[in-house]
C-alpha atoms as a PDB file:
ATOM      1  CA  MET A   1     144.080  36.145 134.866  1.00  0.00           C
ATOM      2  CA  ASN A   2     147.408  37.067 136.341  1.00  0.00           C
ATOM      3  CA  ILE A   3     146.889  40.829 137.478  1.00  0.00           C
ATOM      4  CA  ASN A   4     150.548  41.257 137.868  1.00  0.00           C
ATOM      5  CA  ALA A   5     151.285  40.012 134.266  1.00  0.00           C
ATOM      6  CA  ALA A   6     148.303  42.247 133.118  1.00  0.00           C
ATOM      7  CA  ALA A   7     149.914  45.223 134.883  1.00  0.00           C
ATOM      8  CA  ASP A   8     153.249  44.391 133.198  1.00  0.00           C
ATOM      9  CA  GLY A   9     151.780  44.205 129.862  1.00  0.00           C
ATOM     10  CA  ALA A  10     150.074  47.485 130.138  1.00  0.00           C
ATOM     11  CA  ALA A  11     153.276  49.179 131.246  1.00  0.00           C
ATOM     12  CA  ASP A  12     155.166  47.696 128.153  1.00  0.00           C
ATOM     13  CA  ILE A  13     152.563  49.100 125.844  1.00  0.00           C
ATOM     14  CA  ALA A  14     152.763  52.443 127.529  1.00  0.00           C
ATOM     15  CA  ILE A  15     156.394  52.437 127.175  1.00  0.00           C
ATOM     16  CA  CYS A  16     156.041  51.367 123.489  1.00  0.00           C
ATOM     17  CA  HIS A  17     153.679  54.287 122.891  1.00  0.00           C
ATOM     18  CA  ARG A  18     155.908  56.705 124.367  1.00  0.00           C
ATOM     19  CA  ASN A  19     158.978  55.369 122.308  1.00  0.00           C
ATOM     20  CA  ALA A  20     157.117  55.167 119.120  1.00  0.00           C
ATOM     21  CA  ASP A  21     158.282  57.744 116.528  1.00  0.00           C
ATOM     22  CA  ILE A  22     155.952  60.810 116.468  1.00  0.00           C
ATOM     23  CA  PRO A  23     155.205  61.697 112.919  1.00  0.00           C
ATOM     24  CA  ASN A  24     155.561  65.375 111.733  1.00  0.00           C
ATOM     25  CA  GLU A  25     152.469  65.370 109.408  1.00  0.00           C
ATOM     26  CA  TYR A  26     149.227  63.323 108.894  1.00  0.00           C
ATOM     27  CA  PRO A  27     148.539  63.334 105.420  1.00  0.00           C
ATOM     28  CA  THR A  28     144.818  63.278 104.217  1.00  0.00           C
ATOM     29  CA  ARG A  29     143.056  64.521 100.929  1.00  0.00           C
ATOM     30  CA  ILE A  30     142.560  67.985 102.746  1.00  0.00           C
ATOM     31  CA  THR A  31     146.165  68.419 103.869  1.00  0.00           C
ATOM     32  CA  GLN A  32     147.232  67.669 100.326  1.00  0.00           C
ATOM     33  CA  LEU A  33     144.577  70.206  99.106  1.00  0.00           C
ATOM     34  CA  LEU A  34     145.774  72.885 101.434  1.00  0.00           C
ATOM     35  CA  GLY A  35     149.416  72.144 101.837  1.00  0.00           C
ATOM     36  CA  THR A  36     149.188  71.625 105.692  1.00  0.00           C
ATOM     37  CA  ARG A  37     150.735  69.086 107.958  1.00  0.00           C
ATOM     38  CA  TRP A  38     147.861  68.435 109.934  1.00  0.00           C
ATOM     39  CA  PRO A  39     144.168  67.716 109.074  1.00  0.00           C
ATOM     40  CA  LEU A  40     142.929  70.518 111.294  1.00  0.00           C
ATOM     41  CA  LEU A  41     140.995  73.479 110.452  1.00  0.00           C
ATOM     42  CA  LEU A  42     140.139  76.586 112.640  1.00  0.00           C
ATOM     43  CA  GLY A  43     136.917  77.643 111.293  1.00  0.00           C
ATOM     44  CA  GLY A  44     135.737  81.297 110.910  1.00  0.00           C
ATOM     45  CA  MET A  45     134.468  82.627 114.074  1.00  0.00           C
ATOM     46  CA  MET A  46     132.744  86.003 114.070  1.00  0.00           C
ATOM     47  CA  TRP A  47     134.648  88.636 115.741  1.00  0.00           C
ATOM     48  CA  LEU A  48     137.205  85.935 117.102  1.00  0.00           C
ATOM     49  CA  SER A  49     139.267  84.604 114.029  1.00  0.00           C
ATOM     50  CA  ASP A  50     141.452  87.436 113.686  1.00  0.00           C
ATOM     51  CA  ALA A  51     145.082  87.719 112.358  1.00  0.00           C
ATOM     52  CA  HIS A  52     146.698  86.441 115.386  1.00  0.00           C
ATOM     53  CA  LEU A  53     144.547  83.350 116.193  1.00  0.00           C
ATOM     54  CA  VAL A  54     144.613  82.296 112.493  1.00  0.00           C
ATOM     55  CA  ALA A  55     148.207  82.911 112.139  1.00  0.00           C
ATOM     56  CA  ALA A  56     148.747  80.593 115.399  1.00  0.00           C
ATOM     57  CA  MET A  57     146.928  77.681 113.607  1.00  0.00           C
ATOM     58  CA  VAL A  58     148.698  78.107 110.475  1.00  0.00           C
ATOM     59  CA  ARG A  59     152.302  78.060 112.175  1.00  0.00           C
ATOM     60  CA  ALA A  60     151.211  75.125 114.068  1.00  0.00           C
ATOM     61  CA  GLY A  61     150.631  73.047 110.764  1.00  0.00           C
ATOM     62  CA  GLY A  62     146.830  73.428 110.422  1.00  0.00           C
ATOM     63  CA  MET A  63     144.834  75.991 108.324  1.00  0.00           C
ATOM     64  CA  GLY A  64     142.699  78.913 109.781  1.00  0.00           C
ATOM     65  CA  PHE A  65     140.126  81.318 108.183  1.00  0.00           C
ATOM     66  CA  ILE A  66     139.786  85.177 109.212  1.00  0.00           C
ATOM     67  CA  THR A  67     136.176  86.094 109.132  1.00  0.00           C
ATOM     68  CA  ALA A  68     135.586  88.692 106.463  1.00  0.00           C
ATOM     69  CA  ARG A  69     132.596  89.989 108.088  1.00  0.00           C
ATOM     70  CA  SER A  70     134.341  90.761 111.540  1.00  0.00           C
ATOM     71  CA  ALA A  71     136.167  93.822 110.179  1.00  0.00           C
ATOM     72  CA  ASN A  72     134.359  97.267 110.626  1.00  0.00           C
ATOM     73  CA  SER A  73     135.830  98.627 107.379  1.00  0.00           C
ATOM     74  CA  ASN A  74     137.422  97.300 104.109  1.00  0.00           C
ATOM     75  CA  GLU A  75     140.630  99.198 105.278  1.00  0.00           C
ATOM     76  CA  GLN A  76     140.600  97.213 108.549  1.00  0.00           C
ATOM     77  CA  PHE A  77     139.994  93.962 106.738  1.00  0.00           C
ATOM     78  CA  ARG A  78     142.984  94.715 104.497  1.00  0.00           C
ATOM     79  CA  GLN A  79     144.995  95.389 107.463  1.00  0.00           C
ATOM     80  CA  GLU A  80     144.133  92.148 109.252  1.00  0.00           C
ATOM     81  CA  LEU A  81     145.101  90.128 106.177  1.00  0.00           C
ATOM     82  CA  GLN A  82     148.435  91.990 105.856  1.00  0.00           C
ATOM     83  CA  THR A  83     149.001  91.234 109.639  1.00  0.00           C
ATOM     84  CA  CYS A  84     148.327  87.586 109.141  1.00  0.00           C
ATOM     85  CA  HIS A  85     150.665  87.579 106.187  1.00  0.00           C
ATOM     86  CA  HIS A  86     153.288  88.923 108.511  1.00  0.00           C
ATOM     87  CA  LEU A  87     152.662  86.665 111.459  1.00  0.00           C
ATOM     88  CA  THR A  88     152.599  83.479 109.263  1.00  0.00           C
ATOM     89  CA  GLY A  89     155.862  84.424 107.680  1.00  0.00           C
ATOM     90  CA  GLY A  90     154.149  84.310 104.194  1.00  0.00           C
ATOM     91  CA  MET A  91     152.532  80.924 104.800  1.00  0.00           C
ATOM     92  CA  PRO A  92     149.100  80.634 103.248  1.00  0.00           C
ATOM     93  CA  PHE A  93     146.011  81.309 105.349  1.00  0.00           C
ATOM     94  CA  GLY A  94     142.208  81.332 104.498  1.00  0.00           C
ATOM     95  CA  VAL A  95     139.362  83.776 104.753  1.00  0.00           C
ATOM     96  CA  ASN A  96     135.768  83.017 105.665  1.00  0.00           C
ATOM     97  CA  LEU A  97     133.187  84.337 103.589  1.00  0.00           C
ATOM     98  CA  THR A  98     129.669  83.985 104.968  1.00  0.00           C
ATOM     99  CA  LEU A  99     126.734  84.560 102.762  1.00  0.00           C
ATOM    100  CA  SER A 100     123.407  86.323 104.449  1.00  0.00           C
ATOM    101  CA  ARG A 101     119.907  85.196 103.459  1.00  0.00           C
ATOM    102  CA  ARG A 102     119.496  88.982 103.489  1.00  0.00           C
ATOM    103  CA  MET A 103     120.737  89.512  99.984  1.00  0.00           C
ATOM    104  CA  GLN A 104     121.323  93.238 100.396  1.00  0.00           C
ATOM    105  CA  ASN A 105     123.934  92.284 102.995  1.00  0.00           C
ATOM    106  CA  ASN A 106     125.967  90.410 100.704  1.00  0.00           C
ATOM    107  CA  ASN A 107     127.615  93.182  98.760  1.00  0.00           C
ATOM    108  CA  ILE A 108     130.268  93.604 101.597  1.00  0.00           C
ATOM    109  CA  VAL A 109     131.219  89.999 101.176  1.00  0.00           C
ATOM    110  CA  LEU A 110     132.134  90.504  97.449  1.00  0.00           C
ATOM    111  CA  GLU A 111     133.906  93.683  98.288  1.00  0.00           C
ATOM    112  CA  ARG A 112     136.067  91.549 100.949  1.00  0.00           C
ATOM    113  CA  LEU A 113     136.529  88.914  98.513  1.00  0.00           C
ATOM    114  CA  HIS A 114     137.987  91.226  95.980  1.00  0.00           C
ATOM    115  CA  ILE A 115     140.415  92.643  98.769  1.00  0.00           C
ATOM    116  CA  ALA A 116     141.459  89.176  99.896  1.00  0.00           C
ATOM    117  CA  LEU A 117     142.344  88.111  96.406  1.00  0.00           C
ATOM    118  CA  GLU A 118     144.301  91.484  95.896  1.00  0.00           C
ATOM    119  CA  GLU A 119     146.141  90.546  99.113  1.00  0.00           C
ATOM    120  CA  GLY A 120     146.953  87.107  97.636  1.00  0.00           C
ATOM    121  CA  VAL A 121     144.780  84.984  99.611  1.00  0.00           C
ATOM    122  CA  ARG A 122     143.673  81.634  97.822  1.00  0.00           C
ATOM    123  CA  ILE A 123     142.051  79.444 100.415  1.00  0.00           C
ATOM    124  CA  PHE A 124     138.345  80.312 101.227  1.00  0.00           C
ATOM    125  CA  GLU A 125     135.766  78.648 103.567  1.00  0.00           C
ATOM    126  CA  THR A 126     132.229  79.692 102.423  1.00  0.00           C
ATOM    127  CA  ALA A 127     129.162  79.411 104.538  1.00  0.00           C
ATOM    128  CA  GLY A 128     125.538  80.414 104.831  1.00  0.00           C
ATOM    129  CA  LEU A 129     123.871  80.422 101.299  1.00  0.00           C
ATOM    130  CA  PRO A 130     125.556  78.204  98.419  1.00  0.00           C
ATOM    131  CA  PRO A 131     128.646  80.270  97.182  1.00  0.00           C
ATOM    132  CA  THR A 132     127.080  80.541  93.618  1.00  0.00           C
ATOM    133  CA  SER A 133     127.736  84.326  93.624  1.00  0.00           C
ATOM    134  CA  LEU A 134     131.382  83.942  94.520  1.00  0.00           C
ATOM    135  CA  LEU A 135     132.411  81.007  92.500  1.00  0.00           C
ATOM    136  CA  PRO A 136     133.177  82.936  89.287  1.00  0.00           C
ATOM    137  CA  GLN A 137     135.685  85.213  90.843  1.00  0.00           C
ATOM    138  CA  LEU A 138     137.108  82.324  92.812  1.00  0.00           C
ATOM    139  CA  ARG A 139     137.511  80.046  90.034  1.00  0.00           C
ATOM    140  CA  GLN A 140     139.259  82.727  87.652  1.00  0.00           C
ATOM    141  CA  THR A 141     141.896  83.020  90.521  1.00  0.00           C
ATOM    142  CA  ASN A 142     142.300  79.173  90.936  1.00  0.00           C
ATOM    143  CA  ALA A 143     141.260  79.567  94.481  1.00  0.00           C
ATOM    144  CA  ILE A 144     140.490  76.605  96.819  1.00  0.00           C
ATOM    145  CA  VAL A 145     136.924  76.644  98.062  1.00  0.00           C
ATOM    146  CA  ILE A 146     135.630  74.724 101.314  1.00  0.00           C
ATOM    147  CA  HIS A 147     131.889  75.029 101.764  1.00  0.00           C
ATOM    148  CA  LYS A 148     130.669  74.701 105.371  1.00  0.00           C
ATOM    149  CA  CYS A 149     127.096  73.533 105.899  1.00  0.00           C
ATOM    150  CA  ALA A 150     125.005  71.575 108.292  1.00  0.00           C
ATOM    151  CA  HIS A 151     122.934  69.220 105.991  1.00  0.00           C
ATOM    152  CA  VAL A 152     123.993  66.574 103.672  1.00  0.00           C
ATOM    153  CA  ARG A 153     121.812  67.452 101.106  1.00  0.00           C
ATOM    154  CA  HIS A 154     123.560  70.904 101.162  1.00  0.00           C
ATOM    155  CA  ALA A 155     127.033  69.405 101.099  1.00  0.00           C
ATOM    156  CA  VAL A 156     125.742  67.190  97.962  1.00  0.00           C
ATOM    157  CA  ALA A 157     124.602  70.571  96.268  1.00  0.00           C
ATOM    158  CA  ALA A 158     127.950  72.377  97.162  1.00  0.00           C
ATOM    159  CA  GLN A 159     129.796  69.388  95.513  1.00  0.00           C
ATOM    160  CA  ASN A 160     127.555  69.498  92.388  1.00  0.00           C
ATOM    161  CA  LEU A 161     128.530  73.295  92.244  1.00  0.00           C
ATOM    162  CA  GLY A 162     132.194  72.326  92.053  1.00  0.00           C
ATOM    163  CA  VAL A 163     133.730  73.175  95.329  1.00  0.00           C
ATOM    164  CA  ASP A 164     136.829  71.531  96.387  1.00  0.00           C
ATOM    165  CA  ALA A 165     135.717  70.260  99.787  1.00  0.00           C
ATOM    166  CA  VAL A 166     132.867  70.476 102.258  1.00  0.00           C
ATOM    167  CA  THR A 167     132.733  70.878 106.101  1.00  0.00           C
ATOM    168  CA  LEU A 168     129.795  69.395 107.808  1.00  0.00           C
ATOM    169  CA  VAL A 169     128.665  70.481 111.031  1.00  0.00           C
ATOM    170  CA  GLY A 170     126.550  68.357 113.664  1.00  0.00           C
ATOM    171  CA  MET A 171     124.113  69.581 116.121  1.00  0.00           C
ATOM    172  CA  GLU A 172     127.090  69.994 118.752  1.00  0.00           C
ATOM    173  CA  GLU A 173     128.581  73.066 116.919  1.00  0.00           C
ATOM    174  CA  GLY A 174     128.998  76.288 118.755  1.00  0.00           C
ATOM    175  CA  GLY A 175     128.496  79.567 117.360  1.00  0.00           C
ATOM    176  CA  HIS A 176     125.834  79.688 114.786  1.00  0.00           C
ATOM    177  CA  PRO A 177     124.818  76.040 114.282  1.00  0.00           C
ATOM    178  CA  GLY A 178     122.598  74.986 111.302  1.00  0.00           C
ATOM    179  CA  SER A 179     119.018  73.723 111.815  1.00  0.00           C
ATOM    180  CA  ASN A 180     120.103  69.815 111.556  1.00  0.00           C
ATOM    181  CA  GLN A 181     119.613  67.818 114.585  1.00  0.00           C
ATOM    182  CA  LEU A 182     121.805  65.043 113.613  1.00  0.00           C
ATOM    183  CA  PRO A 183     124.903  64.866 115.833  1.00  0.00           C
ATOM    184  CA  THR A 184     128.452  65.042 114.147  1.00  0.00           C
ATOM    185  CA  PHE A 185     129.414  61.648 113.628  1.00  0.00           C
ATOM    186  CA  LEU A 186     126.063  60.302 112.491  1.00  0.00           C
ATOM    187  CA  ASN A 187     125.750  63.368 110.149  1.00  0.00           C
ATOM    188  CA  GLY A 188     129.419  62.285 108.834  1.00  0.00           C
ATOM    189  CA  ALA A 189     128.683  58.651 108.411  1.00  0.00           C
ATOM    190  CA  TYR A 190     125.725  59.560 106.427  1.00  0.00           C
ATOM    191  CA  ALA A 191     127.541  62.105 104.216  1.00  0.00           C
ATOM    192  CA  LEU A 192     130.395  59.806 103.280  1.00  0.00           C
ATOM    193  CA  GLU A 193     127.927  57.581 101.391  1.00  0.00           C
ATOM    194  CA  HIS A 194     127.066  60.784  99.210  1.00  0.00           C
ATOM    195  CA  LEU A 195     130.234  62.594  98.692  1.00  0.00           C
ATOM    196  CA  HIS A 196     133.425  61.948  96.797  1.00  0.00           C
ATOM    197  CA  ILE A 197     135.207  65.147  97.513  1.00  0.00           C
ATOM    198  CA  PRO A 198     137.072  65.801 100.681  1.00  0.00           C
ATOM    199  CA  LEU A 199     135.084  65.923 104.018  1.00  0.00           C
ATOM    200  CA  ALA A 200     135.889  67.900 107.277  1.00  0.00           C
ATOM    201  CA  LEU A 201     133.570  67.176 110.300  1.00  0.00           C
ATOM    202  CA  GLY A 202     132.873  69.892 113.061  1.00  0.00           C
ATOM    203  CA  GLY A 203     130.867  70.060 116.053  1.00  0.00           C
ATOM    204  CA  GLY A 204     131.751  69.036 119.591  1.00  0.00           C
ATOM    205  CA  ILE A 205     135.326  68.011 118.744  1.00  0.00           C
ATOM    206  CA  GLY A 206     138.056  69.392 121.006  1.00  0.00           C
ATOM    207  CA  HIS A 207     140.156  66.309 121.983  1.00  0.00           C
ATOM    208  CA  GLY A 208     142.707  64.128 120.207  1.00  0.00           C
ATOM    209  CA  ARG A 209     140.486  61.127 120.736  1.00  0.00           C
ATOM    210  CA  GLN A 210     137.642  62.989 118.866  1.00  0.00           C
ATOM    211  CA  ILE A 211     139.928  63.919 116.102  1.00  0.00           C
ATOM    212  CA  ALA A 212     141.192  60.346 115.683  1.00  0.00           C
ATOM    213  CA  ALA A 213     137.575  59.075 115.768  1.00  0.00           C
ATOM    214  CA  ALA A 214     136.545  61.511 112.884  1.00  0.00           C
ATOM    215  CA  LEU A 215     139.578  60.383 110.836  1.00  0.00           C
ATOM    216  CA  ALA A 216     138.819  56.671 111.722  1.00  0.00           C
ATOM    217  CA  LEU A 217     135.171  57.325 110.451  1.00  0.00           C
ATOM    218  CA  GLY A 218     136.418  58.440 106.977  1.00  0.00           C
ATOM    219  CA  ALA A 219     136.654  62.243 107.246  1.00  0.00           C
ATOM    220  CA  ASP A 220     139.699  64.045 105.721  1.00  0.00           C
ATOM    221  CA  ALA A 221     139.838  66.765 108.542  1.00  0.00           C
ATOM    222  CA  VAL A 222     137.980  68.236 111.505  1.00  0.00           C
ATOM    223  CA  VAL A 223     137.097  71.893 112.076  1.00  0.00           C
ATOM    224  CA  MET A 224     137.033  73.326 115.531  1.00  0.00           C
ATOM    225  CA  GLY A 225     136.356  76.660 116.982  1.00  0.00           C
ATOM    226  CA  SER A 226     135.111  77.090 120.435  1.00  0.00           C
ATOM    227  CA  ILE A 227     138.003  75.001 121.918  1.00  0.00           C
ATOM    228  CA  PHE A 228     140.532  77.717 120.602  1.00  0.00           C
ATOM    229  CA  THR A 229     138.817  80.266 122.908  1.00  0.00           C
ATOM    230  CA  LEU A 230     141.317  79.150 125.512  1.00  0.00           C
ATOM    231  CA  ALA A 231     144.401  79.991 123.306  1.00  0.00           C
ATOM    232  CA  ARG A 232     146.506  82.709 124.424  1.00  0.00           C
ATOM    233  CA  GLU A 233     146.297  84.126 120.790  1.00  0.00           C
ATOM    234  CA  HIS A 234     142.566  84.445 121.285  1.00  0.00           C
ATOM    235  CA  PRO A 235     141.504  88.114 121.112  1.00  0.00           C
ATOM    236  CA  HIS A 236     139.823  88.234 124.556  1.00  0.00           C
ATOM    237  CA  THR A 237     142.930  86.179 126.052  1.00  0.00           C
ATOM    238  CA  ARG A 238     145.281  88.882 124.501  1.00  0.00           C
ATOM    239  CA  HIS A 239     143.322  91.612 125.812  1.00  0.00           C
ATOM    240  CA  ILE A 240     143.349  90.292 129.463  1.00  0.00           C
ATOM    241  CA  ASN A 241     147.111  89.495 129.337  1.00  0.00           C
ATOM    242  CA  ASN A 242     147.589  93.081 127.893  1.00  0.00           C
ATOM    243  CA  ALA A 243     145.592  94.693 130.700  1.00  0.00           C
END
């Protein structure tokens, strides 16, 4: 093999890639569902997915979810929603509703759902228990529901409940990972044999190559969280910069 010729060929490919037209969107079933340009989701991170971080994701063309449980009061939660609405310039954003296994702790979630609907939110990420108790209100308002879980059987159950899409996370997920020990891509490959609604994959995804791999596998989007702790809009980073 001619080494110089190989080098010239690699250079030509690199130039071709640099000169290629860069699209301003990547349509999938989830981007069409949410009205976003990119199949990128910022999952709800407790205490971290606030109005500033979520709004930055939305302005960048993805979708983010403010965590309803992070607010210390209903009034603070309402203010977060109003701040996010202002920062996005009116673009839609989402809210994360996580149901606890301690049923007495879920009354606050129902209260926060009511507030979110009052403030015009119509995109929700549910997690924890199946969103059975939330679906009546969500369906009455034509809200979009993406349920996040760690097991394929739970994803199928959510599909049977009538959610619009599911997020499936693998063992690499940060924060509060589920009990499933399957890695993200193995979990996703198995799920695609059992789901007909849009699927987002999460867990250990933080690079463009990993995003491309998930989409090539057949996923409709990826969900990321920990990687955005590096963003300047992250609450801890804002605190340091403002100090």
